[in-house]
Amino acid sequence: MEIRECTDKDWPAIFGFYSATMKDGRSYAFPEGQGLEEARPWWMEQPPGQTVAAVAAGEIVGSAKMGPNRPGRGGHIATASFLVDPRHRDQGVGRALGEYVLGWARSEGYRGIQFNAVVETNLPAVHLWQSIGFQIIGTVPGAFDHPEHGLVGLHVMFQEL
């Protein structure tokens, strides 16, 4: 698997699983039903951040976006978001993207990385992030309206770099 910076030509392929993930409603509090161009700024990060694609056998199988968590005096902490094409889950794509993001954040001089909204019922994501060194530093109760579980918490997860 290769992880590389995205180009504008990659967006339509990413949008396919971006759209499916938002429609699924189990992991992101992003708007549902967005069109191709409406969704683009929600995922395609601008500098100083970036968006990357995970490519296997010539196909984009996942993507991550990363950048500063806050501007100004909060700009020394990074954040990131991840998508894996549902057809390619449980194949190490998320882990590879997570490790890439950690390396990127270190090389860019960030002091830590914070995930602001990991849905507490998304156990594969919670376990993955914990396995590569993230800690749950708090949970906002009932902050996410899950389609099956109702109101569930959003974890704030952090790793010092």
Protein backbone atom coordinates (compact mmCIF):
# COMPACT_ATOMS: atom_id res chain seq x y z
CA MET A 1 0.00 0.00 0.00
CA GLU A 2 1.21 3.47 -0.89
CA ILE A 3 0.15 6.60 0.96
CA ARG A 4 0.52 9.76 -1.06
CA GLU A 5 -0.71 13.31 -1.09
CA CYS A 6 -4.05 13.71 -2.86
CA THR A 7 -4.58 15.56 -6.09
CA ASP A 8 -7.83 17.10 -7.30
CA LYS A 9 -8.24 14.07 -9.59
CA ASP A 10 -8.47 11.80 -6.52
CA TRP A 11 -11.50 13.50 -5.03
CA PRO A 12 -14.22 11.69 -7.05
CA ALA A 13 -12.88 8.29 -5.94
CA ILE A 14 -12.65 9.39 -2.31
CA PHE A 15 -16.09 10.98 -2.50
CA GLY A 16 -17.63 7.55 -3.20
CA PHE A 17 -16.69 6.19 0.22
CA TYR A 18 -16.90 9.61 1.91
CA SER A 19 -20.56 9.78 0.85
CA ALA A 20 -21.25 6.18 1.93
CA THR A 21 -19.66 6.81 5.34
CA MET A 22 -21.70 9.96 5.96
CA LYS A 23 -24.89 8.17 4.87
CA ASP A 24 -24.10 5.29 7.24
CA GLY A 25 -24.21 7.82 10.09
CA ARG A 26 -22.13 5.87 12.60
CA SER A 27 -18.81 7.71 12.70
CA TYR A 28 -18.98 11.34 11.53
CA ALA A 29 -21.11 14.33 12.43
CA PHE A 30 -20.66 15.74 8.91
CA PRO A 31 -23.66 16.71 6.78
CA GLU A 32 -25.34 13.88 4.89
CA GLY A 33 -26.46 14.09 1.28
CA GLN A 34 -23.73 16.41 0.07
CA GLY A 35 -22.90 16.53 -3.60
CA LEU A 36 -19.40 16.10 -4.99
CA GLU A 37 -18.47 19.78 -4.90
CA GLU A 38 -20.33 20.60 -1.69
CA ALA A 39 -18.41 17.88 0.17
CA ARG A 40 -14.96 18.74 -1.24
CA PRO A 41 -14.02 21.43 1.34
CA TRP A 42 -15.14 19.14 4.17
CA TRP A 43 -12.41 16.63 3.23
CA MET A 44 -9.81 18.14 0.92
CA GLU A 45 -7.59 20.01 3.38
CA GLN A 46 -5.75 23.19 2.43
CA PRO A 47 -2.20 24.10 3.55
CA PRO A 48 -0.78 24.01 6.13
CA GLY A 49 -2.71 20.74 6.29
CA GLN A 50 -2.99 18.07 3.66
CA THR A 51 -5.14 15.20 2.50
CA VAL A 52 -3.63 11.85 1.56
CA ALA A 53 -4.84 8.75 -0.24
CA ALA A 54 -4.02 5.15 0.60
CA VAL A 55 -3.63 3.28 -2.70
CA ALA A 56 -3.53 -0.50 -3.13
CA ALA A 57 -3.45 -2.27 -6.50
CA GLY A 58 -4.09 1.06 -8.23
CA GLU A 59 -7.27 1.78 -6.24
CA ILE A 60 -7.82 4.41 -3.54
CA VAL A 61 -8.83 2.39 -0.48
CA GLY A 62 -8.68 5.07 2.20
CA SER A 63 -7.90 8.68 2.93
CA ALA A 64 -6.86 10.94 5.79
CA LYS A 65 -6.87 14.68 6.26
CA MET A 66 -4.66 16.44 8.74
CA GLY A 67 -3.61 19.86 9.92
CA PRO A 68 -3.56 22.14 12.94
CA ASN A 69 -6.32 21.48 15.46
CA ARG A 70 -6.72 25.20 16.17
CA PRO A 71 -5.27 28.37 14.68
CA GLY A 72 -2.88 30.74 16.40
CA ARG A 73 -1.88 29.72 19.91
CA GLY A 74 -3.41 26.27 19.40
CA GLY A 75 -1.55 25.63 16.15
CA HIS A 76 1.11 23.43 17.79
CA ILE A 77 -1.42 20.58 18.19
CA ALA A 78 -2.44 18.61 15.09
CA THR A 79 -5.69 16.88 14.30
CA ALA A 80 -6.74 14.35 11.67
CA SER A 81 -9.73 12.50 10.26
CA PHE A 82 -9.79 9.14 8.50
CA LEU A 83 -11.90 7.27 5.97
CA VAL A 84 -11.51 3.68 4.83
CA ASP A 85 -13.54 2.36 1.93
CA PRO A 86 -15.97 -0.14 3.53
CA ARG A 87 -14.86 -2.77 1.01
CA HIS A 88 -11.30 -2.52 2.37
CA ARG A 89 -11.85 -2.46 6.13
CA ASP A 90 -9.92 -4.86 8.36
CA GLN A 91 -6.97 -4.84 5.97
CA GLY A 92 -4.66 -2.44 7.86
CA VAL A 93 -5.61 0.67 5.88
CA GLY A 94 -6.65 2.69 8.95
CA ARG A 95 -3.50 1.71 10.85
CA ALA A 96 -1.27 2.65 7.91
CA LEU A 97 -3.02 6.02 7.60
CA GLY A 98 -2.77 6.61 11.36
CA GLU A 99 0.95 5.86 11.39
CA TYR A 100 1.45 8.11 8.37
CA VAL A 101 -0.36 10.98 10.12
CA LEU A 102 1.74 10.55 13.26
CA GLY A 103 4.93 10.71 11.20
CA TRP A 104 3.68 13.73 9.29
CA ALA A 105 2.73 15.57 12.49
CA ARG A 106 6.15 14.88 14.02
CA SER A 107 7.97 16.02 10.88
CA GLU A 108 5.90 19.22 10.80
CA GLY A 109 6.89 20.02 14.38
CA TYR A 110 3.54 19.50 16.11
CA ARG A 111 3.78 18.83 19.87
CA GLY A 112 0.75 16.56 20.02
CA ILE A 113 -2.24 15.32 18.05
CA GLN A 114 -5.85 15.49 19.17
CA PHE A 115 -8.90 13.75 17.77
CA ASN A 116 -11.91 15.85 18.72
CA ALA A 117 -14.78 13.48 18.03
CA VAL A 118 -14.30 9.70 18.05
CA VAL A 119 -17.72 8.12 18.44
CA GLU A 120 -17.58 5.94 21.56
CA THR A 121 -19.54 3.12 19.88
CA ASN A 122 -17.05 3.01 16.99
CA LEU A 123 -15.03 0.36 18.83
CA PRO A 124 -12.74 -0.55 15.91
CA ALA A 125 -11.59 3.09 15.69
CA VAL A 126 -11.26 3.52 19.46
CA HIS A 127 -9.19 0.31 19.74
CA LEU A 128 -7.03 1.22 16.74
CA TRP A 129 -6.18 4.68 18.07
CA GLN A 130 -5.43 3.30 21.53
CA SER A 131 -3.18 0.63 20.00
CA ILE A 132 -0.99 3.30 18.38
CA GLY A 133 -0.68 5.40 21.52
CA PHE A 134 -3.75 7.63 21.82
CA GLN A 135 -5.50 8.06 25.14
CA ILE A 136 -9.10 9.01 25.79
CA ILE A 137 -8.78 12.26 27.74
CA GLY A 138 -12.49 12.95 27.97
CA THR A 139 -15.90 12.09 26.59
CA VAL A 140 -18.65 14.53 25.72
CA PRO A 141 -21.80 12.67 26.79
CA GLY A 142 -24.62 12.37 24.26
CA ALA A 143 -22.84 14.52 21.68
CA PHE A 144 -23.48 12.18 18.74
CA ASP A 145 -26.87 11.00 17.49
CA HIS A 146 -26.18 7.42 16.44
CA PRO A 147 -28.78 5.82 14.13
CA GLU A 148 -29.01 2.65 16.29
CA HIS A 149 -27.82 3.60 19.77
CA GLY A 150 -29.32 7.08 20.03
CA LEU A 151 -27.30 9.72 21.84
CA VAL A 152 -23.78 8.44 22.53
CA GLY A 153 -20.57 10.10 23.61
CA LEU A 154 -17.76 11.55 21.56
CA HIS A 155 -14.27 10.78 22.85
CA VAL A 156 -11.51 13.35 22.74
CA MET A 157 -8.33 11.38 22.14
CA PHE A 158 -4.76 12.69 22.43
CA GLN A 159 -1.16 11.65 21.89
CA GLU A 160 1.86 13.71 22.84
CA LEU A 161 4.49 13.77 20.09
